N, C-alpha and C. Protein backbone atom coordinates (compact mmCIF):
# COMPACT_ATOMS: atom_id res chain seq x y z
N MET A 1 -164.21 -67.96 -87.04
CA MET A 1 -163.61 -68.53 -86.19
C MET A 1 -162.24 -69.35 -86.87
N ASN A 2 -163.01 -70.25 -86.92
CA ASN A 2 -162.24 -71.17 -87.98
C ASN A 2 -161.40 -70.75 -89.34
N ASP A 3 -161.98 -69.86 -89.85
CA ASP A 3 -161.32 -69.09 -91.05
C ASP A 3 -159.95 -68.65 -91.01
N GLU A 4 -159.69 -67.90 -89.14
CA GLU A 4 -159.02 -67.18 -88.92
C GLU A 4 -157.52 -68.46 -88.43
N THR A 5 -158.02 -69.87 -87.87
CA THR A 5 -156.86 -70.69 -87.26
C THR A 5 -156.63 -70.92 -88.53
N ASP A 6 -157.21 -71.38 -89.56
CA ASP A 6 -156.80 -71.69 -90.61
C ASP A 6 -155.70 -70.74 -91.66
N ASN A 7 -156.05 -69.26 -91.59
CA ASN A 7 -155.11 -68.65 -91.91
C ASN A 7 -153.61 -68.78 -91.11
N ASN A 8 -153.95 -68.94 -90.13
CA ASN A 8 -152.87 -69.05 -88.56
C ASN A 8 -151.82 -69.83 -89.25
N ASP A 9 -152.63 -71.10 -89.56
CA ASP A 9 -151.89 -72.22 -90.21
C ASP A 9 -151.13 -72.30 -91.28
N ASP A 10 -151.42 -71.92 -91.75
CA ASP A 10 -151.44 -71.50 -93.61
C ASP A 10 -150.17 -70.85 -93.29
N SER A 11 -149.88 -69.48 -92.54
CA SER A 11 -149.12 -68.58 -92.31
C SER A 11 -148.13 -69.15 -91.83
N SER A 12 -147.58 -69.97 -90.62
CA SER A 12 -146.88 -70.42 -89.66
C SER A 12 -146.55 -71.70 -90.91
N LEU A 13 -147.13 -72.26 -91.48
CA LEU A 13 -146.67 -73.30 -92.49
C LEU A 13 -145.88 -73.22 -93.42
N PHE A 14 -146.25 -71.94 -93.75
CA PHE A 14 -145.24 -71.16 -95.05
C PHE A 14 -144.37 -70.54 -94.63
N ARG A 15 -143.53 -70.08 -93.30
CA ARG A 15 -142.87 -69.82 -92.46
C ARG A 15 -141.84 -70.51 -92.62
N GLN A 16 -142.45 -71.36 -91.91
CA GLN A 16 -141.24 -73.29 -91.43
C GLN A 16 -140.85 -73.35 -92.88
N MET A 17 -141.96 -73.59 -93.94
CA MET A 17 -141.27 -73.91 -95.11
C MET A 17 -140.06 -73.42 -96.14
N MET A 18 -140.17 -71.89 -95.74
CA MET A 18 -139.42 -70.69 -96.25
C MET A 18 -138.24 -70.44 -95.20
N LYS A 19 -137.61 -71.29 -94.31
CA LYS A 19 -136.88 -70.57 -93.23
C LYS A 19 -135.49 -70.52 -94.04
N ASP A 20 -134.85 -71.74 -94.85
CA ASP A 20 -133.97 -72.05 -95.22
C ASP A 20 -133.80 -71.11 -96.61
N VAL A 21 -134.94 -70.53 -97.28
CA VAL A 21 -134.51 -70.13 -98.50
C VAL A 21 -134.26 -68.35 -98.36
N THR A 22 -133.06 -68.79 -99.09
CA THR A 22 -132.17 -67.03 -99.17
C THR A 22 -132.52 -66.57 -100.87
N PRO A 23 -132.83 -64.86 -100.45
CA PRO A 23 -133.24 -64.26 -101.46
C PRO A 23 -132.28 -64.11 -102.60
N LEU A 24 -132.65 -64.09 -103.90
CA LEU A 24 -131.57 -64.03 -105.18
C LEU A 24 -130.57 -62.54 -104.79
N LYS A 25 -129.72 -62.68 -104.83
CA LYS A 25 -128.86 -60.99 -105.04
C LYS A 25 -128.78 -60.20 -106.27
N PRO A 26 -129.29 -58.93 -106.31
CA PRO A 26 -129.46 -58.30 -107.41
C PRO A 26 -128.73 -58.16 -108.85
N ASP A 27 -127.42 -58.68 -108.13
CA ASP A 27 -126.76 -58.84 -109.99
C ASP A 27 -126.82 -60.55 -110.47
N ASN A 28 -127.66 -60.88 -110.18
CA ASN A 28 -128.34 -62.12 -110.76
C ASN A 28 -129.08 -62.11 -111.63
N LYS A 29 -129.27 -60.83 -111.88
CA LYS A 29 -130.06 -60.20 -113.37
C LYS A 29 -129.63 -60.90 -114.39
N VAL A 30 -130.81 -60.64 -115.08
CA VAL A 30 -130.33 -60.76 -116.81
C VAL A 30 -130.33 -59.77 -117.54
N SER A 31 -129.19 -58.98 -117.96
CA SER A 31 -129.53 -57.70 -118.73
C SER A 31 -129.55 -57.85 -119.99
N HIS A 32 -130.97 -57.41 -120.77
CA HIS A 32 -131.13 -57.37 -122.04
C HIS A 32 -130.75 -56.92 -122.92
N THR A 33 -129.73 -56.93 -124.41
CA THR A 33 -129.14 -55.94 -125.08
C THR A 33 -129.96 -56.03 -126.47
N PRO A 34 -130.89 -55.16 -126.72
CA PRO A 34 -131.15 -55.19 -127.71
C PRO A 34 -130.71 -55.84 -129.31
N GLN A 35 -130.88 -56.65 -130.56
CA GLN A 35 -130.87 -57.06 -131.38
C GLN A 35 -130.74 -55.62 -132.53
N PRO A 36 -129.17 -56.09 -133.15
CA PRO A 36 -128.61 -55.19 -134.04
C PRO A 36 -130.09 -55.04 -135.28
N LYS A 37 -130.16 -53.71 -135.99
CA LYS A 37 -130.91 -54.44 -137.08
C LYS A 37 -130.34 -54.99 -137.98
N LYS A 38 -130.96 -55.51 -138.71
CA LYS A 38 -129.86 -56.17 -139.96
C LYS A 38 -130.50 -55.27 -141.56
N PHE A 39 -129.56 -54.83 -142.22
CA PHE A 39 -129.63 -54.17 -143.12
C PHE A 39 -130.31 -54.61 -144.37
N HIS A 40 -131.58 -54.16 -144.65
CA HIS A 40 -131.66 -54.85 -146.03
C HIS A 40 -133.00 -53.37 -146.53
N LYS A 41 -132.49 -52.89 -147.69
CA LYS A 41 -133.34 -51.69 -148.29
C LYS A 41 -133.92 -52.48 -149.44
N PRO A 42 -134.74 -51.91 -149.91
CA PRO A 42 -135.84 -52.64 -151.27
C PRO A 42 -134.67 -51.67 -152.19
N ARG A 43 -134.08 -52.37 -153.27
CA ARG A 43 -133.29 -51.28 -154.30
C ARG A 43 -134.42 -50.84 -155.39
N THR A 44 -133.81 -49.46 -155.43
CA THR A 44 -134.13 -48.70 -157.00
C THR A 44 -133.31 -48.52 -158.03
N GLN A 45 -133.98 -48.30 -159.05
CA GLN A 45 -133.68 -48.55 -160.45
C GLN A 45 -131.95 -47.48 -160.27
N GLN A 46 -132.50 -46.06 -158.97
CA GLN A 46 -132.01 -44.81 -159.05
C GLN A 46 -130.70 -45.41 -158.03
N ASP A 47 -130.72 -46.03 -157.08
CA ASP A 47 -129.84 -46.80 -156.19
C ASP A 47 -128.79 -47.28 -156.69
N ASP A 48 -128.87 -47.73 -158.04
CA ASP A 48 -127.69 -48.26 -158.88
C ASP A 48 -126.88 -47.65 -159.28
N THR A 49 -127.42 -46.67 -160.09
CA THR A 49 -126.46 -45.52 -160.44
C THR A 49 -125.59 -44.63 -159.01
N VAL A 50 -126.67 -44.22 -158.40
CA VAL A 50 -126.17 -43.67 -156.95
C VAL A 50 -124.65 -44.23 -156.87
N PHE A 51 -124.78 -45.45 -156.26
CA PHE A 51 -123.47 -45.92 -155.53
C PHE A 51 -122.60 -46.63 -156.39
N GLU A 52 -122.69 -47.19 -157.29
CA GLU A 52 -122.00 -47.58 -159.35
C GLU A 52 -120.97 -46.83 -158.68
N GLY A 53 -119.35 -47.44 -158.62
CA GLY A 53 -118.25 -47.44 -158.68
C GLY A 53 -117.76 -46.66 -157.37
N ARG A 54 -118.36 -46.25 -156.26
CA ARG A 54 -117.93 -45.40 -155.29
C ARG A 54 -116.61 -46.33 -154.67
N PHE A 55 -116.77 -48.19 -154.82
CA PHE A 55 -115.39 -48.35 -154.38
C PHE A 55 -114.54 -49.11 -155.38
N SER A 56 -113.48 -49.13 -155.49
CA SER A 56 -112.65 -49.90 -156.75
C SER A 56 -112.90 -51.42 -156.60
N GLU A 57 -113.05 -51.84 -157.69
CA GLU A 57 -113.92 -53.41 -157.82
C GLU A 57 -112.22 -54.15 -158.28
N GLY A 58 -111.00 -53.73 -158.28
CA GLY A 58 -110.06 -54.41 -159.43
C GLY A 58 -109.79 -55.47 -158.29
N MET A 59 -108.22 -56.15 -158.91
CA MET A 59 -108.11 -57.13 -157.96
C MET A 59 -107.86 -57.05 -156.85
N TYR A 60 -108.20 -57.96 -155.73
CA TYR A 60 -107.85 -58.36 -154.83
C TYR A 60 -106.62 -58.46 -154.14
N GLU A 61 -106.05 -57.68 -152.83
CA GLU A 61 -104.90 -58.07 -152.56
C GLU A 61 -104.18 -59.26 -152.24
N GLU A 62 -102.91 -59.75 -152.52
CA GLU A 62 -102.26 -60.98 -152.81
C GLU A 62 -102.51 -61.42 -151.23
N HIS A 63 -101.96 -60.46 -150.51
CA HIS A 63 -102.31 -61.41 -148.89
C HIS A 63 -102.98 -60.00 -148.10
N CYS A 64 -104.37 -60.74 -147.46
CA CYS A 64 -104.80 -60.76 -146.27
C CYS A 64 -104.53 -60.87 -145.07
N PRO A 65 -104.44 -60.09 -144.19
CA PRO A 65 -103.86 -60.73 -142.86
C PRO A 65 -105.53 -61.04 -142.60
N ASP A 66 -105.29 -62.39 -141.25
CA ASP A 66 -106.38 -63.17 -140.70
C ASP A 66 -107.10 -62.15 -140.11
N GLN A 67 -106.35 -61.01 -139.27
CA GLN A 67 -107.31 -60.24 -138.37
C GLN A 67 -106.63 -58.76 -138.85
N LEU A 68 -107.94 -58.21 -139.00
CA LEU A 68 -108.24 -56.83 -139.65
C LEU A 68 -108.25 -56.01 -138.75
N TYR A 69 -107.44 -54.57 -138.91
CA TYR A 69 -107.24 -53.76 -137.90
C TYR A 69 -106.88 -52.39 -138.81
N PHE A 70 -107.74 -51.04 -138.53
CA PHE A 70 -107.49 -50.08 -139.30
C PHE A 70 -108.03 -49.09 -138.62
N GLU A 71 -106.86 -48.13 -138.54
CA GLU A 71 -107.51 -46.53 -137.80
C GLU A 71 -106.86 -45.73 -138.44
N ARG A 72 -107.72 -44.60 -138.29
CA ARG A 72 -107.59 -43.40 -139.19
C ARG A 72 -107.06 -42.46 -138.21
N ALA A 73 -105.62 -41.77 -138.55
CA ALA A 73 -104.84 -41.10 -138.07
C ALA A 73 -106.06 -39.84 -136.97
N GLY A 74 -105.69 -39.70 -135.68
CA GLY A 74 -106.58 -38.63 -135.24
C GLY A 74 -108.12 -39.44 -134.92
N GLY A 75 -108.52 -40.21 -135.29
CA GLY A 75 -110.01 -40.55 -135.50
C GLY A 75 -110.76 -40.70 -134.53
N ALA A 76 -110.45 -41.72 -133.08
CA ALA A 76 -111.24 -41.70 -132.44
C ALA A 76 -110.42 -41.89 -131.59
N GLN A 77 -110.78 -41.45 -129.82
CA GLN A 77 -110.24 -41.68 -128.64
C GLN A 77 -110.25 -43.17 -128.33
N LYS A 78 -108.55 -43.12 -127.81
CA LYS A 78 -107.65 -44.91 -127.77
C LYS A 78 -108.80 -45.42 -126.84
N SER A 79 -110.26 -44.89 -126.00
CA SER A 79 -110.80 -45.88 -125.40
C SER A 79 -111.82 -46.51 -125.99
N MET A 80 -112.59 -45.68 -126.78
CA MET A 80 -113.03 -46.15 -127.50
C MET A 80 -112.63 -47.20 -128.32
N LEU A 81 -111.99 -46.87 -128.88
CA LEU A 81 -111.10 -48.06 -129.80
C LEU A 81 -111.10 -49.86 -129.07
N LYS A 82 -110.45 -49.29 -127.87
CA LYS A 82 -110.36 -50.44 -127.33
C LYS A 82 -111.88 -51.25 -127.00
N LYS A 83 -112.61 -50.51 -127.05
CA LYS A 83 -114.31 -51.02 -126.58
C LYS A 83 -114.46 -51.67 -128.19
N MET A 84 -114.25 -50.95 -129.25
CA MET A 84 -114.55 -51.86 -130.47
C MET A 84 -113.86 -53.03 -130.54
N ARG A 85 -112.67 -52.73 -130.51
CA ARG A 85 -111.75 -54.09 -130.74
C ARG A 85 -112.27 -55.24 -129.89
N THR A 86 -112.79 -54.90 -128.54
CA THR A 86 -113.13 -56.37 -127.71
C THR A 86 -114.66 -56.44 -127.86
N GLY A 87 -115.07 -55.59 -128.64
CA GLY A 87 -116.64 -55.76 -129.07
C GLY A 87 -117.67 -55.35 -127.72
N LYS A 88 -117.32 -54.83 -127.15
CA LYS A 88 -118.02 -53.86 -125.95
C LYS A 88 -118.67 -52.93 -126.18
N LEU A 89 -118.89 -52.59 -127.27
CA LEU A 89 -119.68 -50.90 -127.83
C LEU A 89 -121.01 -52.24 -128.80
N PRO A 90 -121.89 -51.11 -128.41
CA PRO A 90 -123.48 -52.24 -128.58
C PRO A 90 -123.76 -51.91 -130.53
N VAL A 91 -123.40 -52.92 -131.19
CA VAL A 91 -123.69 -53.10 -132.70
C VAL A 91 -125.27 -52.71 -132.96
N GLU A 92 -125.33 -51.52 -133.82
CA GLU A 92 -126.25 -50.70 -134.21
C GLU A 92 -127.34 -51.45 -135.45
N SER A 93 -126.31 -52.26 -136.42
CA SER A 93 -126.67 -52.17 -137.62
C SER A 93 -125.57 -53.61 -137.92
N VAL A 94 -125.99 -54.28 -138.66
CA VAL A 94 -125.37 -55.48 -139.39
C VAL A 94 -126.19 -55.62 -140.77
N LEU A 95 -124.55 -55.27 -141.84
CA LEU A 95 -124.11 -55.94 -143.27
C LEU A 95 -123.95 -57.72 -143.53
N ASP A 96 -124.64 -58.53 -143.41
CA ASP A 96 -123.92 -59.15 -144.31
C ASP A 96 -124.08 -59.68 -145.55
N LEU A 97 -122.74 -60.17 -145.99
CA LEU A 97 -121.95 -59.75 -147.46
C LEU A 97 -122.12 -61.27 -147.93
N HIS A 98 -122.08 -62.22 -147.08
CA HIS A 98 -122.30 -63.52 -147.70
C HIS A 98 -122.97 -64.13 -148.80
N GLY A 99 -122.60 -64.90 -149.93
CA GLY A 99 -122.80 -65.27 -150.96
C GLY A 99 -123.04 -63.98 -151.78
N HIS A 100 -122.72 -62.74 -152.10
CA HIS A 100 -122.46 -61.78 -152.96
C HIS A 100 -120.97 -61.71 -153.76
N THR A 101 -121.77 -60.91 -155.21
CA THR A 101 -120.88 -61.11 -155.99
C THR A 101 -119.77 -60.16 -155.35
N VAL A 102 -118.48 -59.54 -156.03
CA VAL A 102 -117.94 -58.32 -156.29
C VAL A 102 -118.40 -56.91 -156.20
N HIS A 103 -119.24 -57.43 -157.50
CA HIS A 103 -120.11 -56.52 -157.43
C HIS A 103 -121.13 -55.91 -156.92
N GLN A 104 -121.83 -56.55 -156.57
CA GLN A 104 -123.17 -56.72 -155.38
C GLN A 104 -122.44 -56.38 -153.98
N ALA A 105 -121.45 -56.73 -153.64
CA ALA A 105 -120.77 -56.35 -151.96
C ALA A 105 -120.25 -55.01 -151.95
N SER A 106 -119.68 -54.53 -153.23
CA SER A 106 -118.97 -52.88 -153.12
C SER A 106 -120.81 -52.45 -153.27
N ARG A 107 -121.79 -52.67 -154.15
CA ARG A 107 -122.70 -51.89 -153.71
C ARG A 107 -123.47 -51.71 -152.69
N GLU A 108 -123.82 -53.26 -152.44
CA GLU A 108 -124.51 -53.42 -150.72
C GLU A 108 -123.66 -52.57 -149.83
N LEU A 109 -121.91 -52.56 -149.71
CA LEU A 109 -121.24 -51.69 -148.37
C LEU A 109 -121.21 -50.37 -148.48
N ALA A 110 -121.53 -49.93 -149.78
CA ALA A 110 -121.67 -48.26 -150.01
C ALA A 110 -123.22 -47.66 -149.48
N GLU A 111 -124.23 -48.45 -150.03
CA GLU A 111 -125.67 -48.32 -149.53
C GLU A 111 -125.82 -48.30 -148.22
N PHE A 112 -124.96 -49.30 -147.87
CA PHE A 112 -125.06 -49.73 -145.96
C PHE A 112 -124.56 -48.41 -144.86
N LEU A 113 -123.25 -48.11 -145.57
CA LEU A 113 -122.52 -46.84 -144.80
C LEU A 113 -123.52 -45.83 -145.26
N ASP A 114 -123.95 -45.25 -146.37
CA ASP A 114 -125.00 -44.44 -146.37
C ASP A 114 -125.83 -44.46 -145.54
N ASP A 115 -126.46 -45.57 -145.41
CA ASP A 115 -127.81 -45.45 -144.69
C ASP A 115 -127.13 -45.15 -143.04
N CYS A 116 -126.18 -45.90 -142.96
CA CYS A 116 -125.65 -45.47 -141.01
C CYS A 116 -125.64 -44.19 -140.85
N GLN A 117 -125.21 -43.43 -142.17
CA GLN A 117 -124.69 -42.32 -141.67
C GLN A 117 -125.70 -41.00 -141.54
N ARG A 118 -127.03 -41.54 -142.01
CA ARG A 118 -128.19 -40.87 -142.45
C ARG A 118 -129.17 -41.28 -141.13
N ASN A 119 -128.88 -42.60 -140.46
CA ASN A 119 -129.38 -42.75 -139.52
C ASN A 119 -128.73 -42.49 -138.13
N GLY A 120 -128.05 -41.80 -138.49
CA GLY A 120 -126.69 -41.49 -137.07
C GLY A 120 -125.77 -42.73 -136.42
N TYR A 121 -126.18 -44.18 -137.25
CA TYR A 121 -125.21 -45.01 -136.19
C TYR A 121 -123.85 -44.69 -136.07
N ARG A 122 -123.04 -44.93 -135.09
CA ARG A 122 -121.60 -44.67 -135.01
C ARG A 122 -120.71 -46.60 -135.00
N HIS A 123 -121.69 -47.31 -134.52
CA HIS A 123 -120.68 -48.63 -134.34
C HIS A 123 -121.75 -50.09 -135.22
N VAL A 124 -120.76 -49.75 -136.59
CA VAL A 124 -121.97 -51.29 -136.55
C VAL A 124 -121.23 -52.71 -136.98
N MET A 125 -121.42 -53.54 -137.54
CA MET A 125 -120.94 -54.77 -138.18
C MET A 125 -121.02 -55.28 -139.56
N ILE A 126 -120.16 -55.19 -140.41
CA ILE A 126 -120.12 -55.98 -141.51
C ILE A 126 -119.39 -57.79 -141.72
N ILE A 127 -120.57 -58.03 -141.81
CA ILE A 127 -119.97 -59.71 -142.15
C ILE A 127 -119.52 -60.35 -143.42
N HIS A 128 -118.48 -60.61 -143.68
CA HIS A 128 -117.57 -60.72 -145.07
C HIS A 128 -117.80 -61.84 -145.06
N GLY A 129 -117.89 -63.02 -144.30
CA GLY A 129 -116.95 -64.37 -144.72
C GLY A 129 -115.59 -64.45 -144.19
N LYS A 130 -115.10 -65.86 -144.26
CA LYS A 130 -113.62 -66.28 -144.17
C LYS A 130 -113.42 -66.61 -145.68
N GLY A 131 -114.07 -66.84 -146.35
CA GLY A 131 -113.73 -67.31 -147.87
C GLY A 131 -113.77 -68.64 -147.89
N TYR A 132 -114.22 -69.15 -146.75
CA TYR A 132 -113.68 -70.83 -147.12
C TYR A 132 -114.40 -71.39 -148.51
N ARG A 133 -115.47 -70.92 -148.93
CA ARG A 133 -116.11 -71.47 -150.17
C ARG A 133 -115.73 -70.80 -151.67
N SER A 134 -114.65 -69.89 -151.14
CA SER A 134 -113.53 -69.27 -152.23
C SER A 134 -113.46 -70.39 -152.90
N GLN A 135 -112.87 -70.79 -154.37
CA GLN A 135 -111.60 -71.40 -154.79
C GLN A 135 -110.25 -71.97 -154.31
N GLN A 136 -109.81 -70.62 -154.44
CA GLN A 136 -108.49 -70.18 -153.73
C GLN A 136 -108.23 -69.57 -152.41
N LYS A 137 -108.54 -68.35 -152.59
CA LYS A 137 -108.39 -67.68 -151.79
C LYS A 137 -109.66 -66.78 -151.35
N PRO A 138 -110.20 -66.10 -149.85
CA PRO A 138 -110.84 -65.30 -150.04
C PRO A 138 -110.90 -63.79 -150.91
N VAL A 139 -111.80 -63.11 -151.71
CA VAL A 139 -112.24 -62.63 -152.51
C VAL A 139 -113.04 -61.51 -151.67
N ILE A 140 -114.52 -61.49 -151.28
CA ILE A 140 -114.70 -60.40 -150.57
C ILE A 140 -113.90 -60.07 -149.11
N LYS A 141 -113.29 -60.35 -148.70
CA LYS A 141 -112.48 -60.08 -146.88
C LYS A 141 -111.46 -59.08 -147.36
N PRO A 142 -110.69 -59.50 -148.47
CA PRO A 142 -109.58 -58.59 -148.56
C PRO A 142 -110.14 -57.30 -149.24
N LEU A 143 -111.44 -57.64 -150.04
CA LEU A 143 -111.56 -56.17 -150.67
C LEU A 143 -112.60 -55.28 -149.46
N VAL A 144 -113.38 -56.02 -149.00
CA VAL A 144 -113.46 -54.78 -147.81
C VAL A 144 -113.05 -54.43 -146.68
N ASN A 145 -111.65 -54.94 -146.80
CA ASN A 145 -110.57 -54.46 -145.84
C ASN A 145 -109.78 -53.12 -146.35
N ARG A 146 -110.20 -53.43 -147.87
CA ARG A 146 -109.72 -52.00 -148.85
C ARG A 146 -111.11 -51.14 -148.48
N TRP A 147 -111.92 -51.27 -149.08
CA TRP A 147 -113.25 -50.53 -149.08
C TRP A 147 -113.11 -49.77 -147.72
N LEU A 148 -113.13 -50.38 -146.66
CA LEU A 148 -113.55 -49.97 -145.45
C LEU A 148 -112.12 -48.73 -145.16
N GLN A 149 -111.13 -49.07 -145.58
CA GLN A 149 -110.12 -47.81 -145.58
C GLN A 149 -110.06 -46.87 -146.43
N GLN A 150 -111.20 -47.05 -147.56
CA GLN A 150 -110.99 -46.18 -148.73
C GLN A 150 -112.34 -45.19 -148.28
N ALA A 151 -113.22 -45.65 -147.38
CA ALA A 151 -114.84 -44.66 -147.08
C ALA A 151 -113.94 -43.70 -146.41
N HIS A 152 -114.24 -42.55 -146.37
CA HIS A 152 -114.02 -41.69 -145.58
C HIS A 152 -114.74 -41.09 -144.41
N GLU A 153 -116.20 -42.05 -143.94
CA GLU A 153 -117.13 -42.10 -142.86
C GLU A 153 -116.33 -43.39 -142.21
N VAL A 154 -115.44 -43.93 -142.13
CA VAL A 154 -115.25 -44.81 -141.31
C VAL A 154 -113.93 -44.60 -140.67
N LEU A 155 -114.11 -44.40 -139.55
CA LEU A 155 -112.69 -44.11 -138.25
C LEU A 155 -111.88 -45.23 -138.41
N ALA A 156 -112.52 -46.27 -138.01
CA ALA A 156 -111.89 -47.63 -137.37
C ALA A 156 -112.37 -48.24 -137.81
N PHE A 157 -111.68 -50.15 -137.91
CA PHE A 157 -112.32 -50.82 -138.04
C PHE A 157 -111.46 -52.26 -137.43
N SER A 158 -112.31 -53.56 -136.72
CA SER A 158 -111.27 -54.18 -136.53
C SER A 158 -112.07 -55.93 -136.37
N SER A 159 -111.29 -56.69 -136.87
CA SER A 159 -112.01 -57.92 -136.57
C SER A 159 -112.77 -58.26 -135.29
N ALA A 160 -114.02 -58.91 -135.48
CA ALA A 160 -114.87 -59.31 -134.20
C ALA A 160 -114.20 -59.88 -133.49
N GLN A 161 -114.64 -60.25 -132.43
CA GLN A 161 -114.83 -61.18 -131.33
C GLN A 161 -115.53 -62.98 -131.85
N PRO A 162 -114.85 -63.39 -131.49
CA PRO A 162 -115.36 -64.80 -131.75
C PRO A 162 -116.71 -65.09 -131.59
N LYS A 163 -117.55 -64.31 -130.76
CA LYS A 163 -118.69 -64.50 -130.72
C LYS A 163 -119.65 -63.96 -131.52
N ASP A 164 -119.04 -62.79 -131.81
CA ASP A 164 -119.49 -62.49 -133.37
C ASP A 164 -118.95 -62.76 -134.54
N GLY A 165 -118.64 -63.59 -134.64
CA GLY A 165 -118.16 -63.82 -136.27
C GLY A 165 -116.95 -64.18 -136.25
N GLY A 166 -115.98 -63.71 -135.39
CA GLY A 166 -114.43 -63.93 -135.46
C GLY A 166 -113.95 -63.05 -136.58
N THR A 167 -113.06 -63.63 -137.45
CA THR A 167 -112.51 -63.47 -138.41
C THR A 167 -112.79 -63.40 -139.63
N GLY A 168 -114.27 -63.56 -139.49
CA GLY A 168 -115.14 -63.52 -140.80
C GLY A 168 -116.12 -61.99 -140.46
N ALA A 169 -115.83 -61.36 -139.68
CA ALA A 169 -116.49 -59.79 -139.52
C ALA A 169 -116.04 -59.10 -139.41
N VAL A 170 -116.40 -57.75 -139.20
CA VAL A 170 -115.53 -56.45 -138.67
C VAL A 170 -116.53 -55.63 -137.73
N TYR A 171 -116.19 -55.29 -136.85
CA TYR A 171 -116.75 -53.97 -136.08
C TYR A 171 -116.15 -52.68 -136.74
N VAL A 172 -117.38 -51.82 -137.13
CA VAL A 172 -116.81 -50.60 -137.66
C VAL A 172 -117.28 -49.58 -136.95
N LEU A 173 -116.41 -48.40 -136.77
CA LEU A 173 -116.90 -47.63 -136.26
C LEU A 173 -116.72 -46.15 -136.65
N LEU A 174 -118.19 -45.41 -136.68
CA LEU A 174 -118.38 -44.33 -137.80
C LEU A 174 -118.12 -43.37 -137.43
N ARG A 175 -117.94 -42.26 -138.27
CA ARG A 175 -117.67 -40.84 -138.15
C ARG A 175 -119.06 -40.37 -137.10
N LYS A 176 -119.50 -39.28 -136.42
CA LYS A 176 -120.37 -38.74 -135.95
C LYS A 176 -121.18 -37.75 -137.31
N THR A 177 -122.52 -37.90 -137.52
CA THR A 177 -122.99 -36.91 -138.52
C THR A 177 -123.07 -35.43 -138.36
């Protein structure tokens, strides 16, 4: 009988302590989005010849806008383009070109786009940097701007939102395979 009295006391004490507590609302839950895959593929000798010369490596543009934007005519729906520009599409893979030479960046980008097409990725991000470490002007950023416009699999691209690198990165929308 003693155990039953103790249980009742514990139960009433618990109810008394919890009388002012309000349950959390269901909208206070944290939603988790998976991290995009970082692109890294070990190179073979064959890879060097396959992706060699896909993009022109000539002189870069004299003027490169701070905010990059490109849209292929008839390429994607307006709602999809708006989601891309505002960073609302989940990024499926990321390529970081920091510290690359022009030749390395060209090859990496060609390989990355090919890999994305093979894996069926539609929305990716390319980090090109802002060119602060370049001697005079950014080098990779204007070339990425040109190369993405040349790539047939690219429907559109836009400078990223500040949370994703701002003008040092671009969101890229790719064709369906």
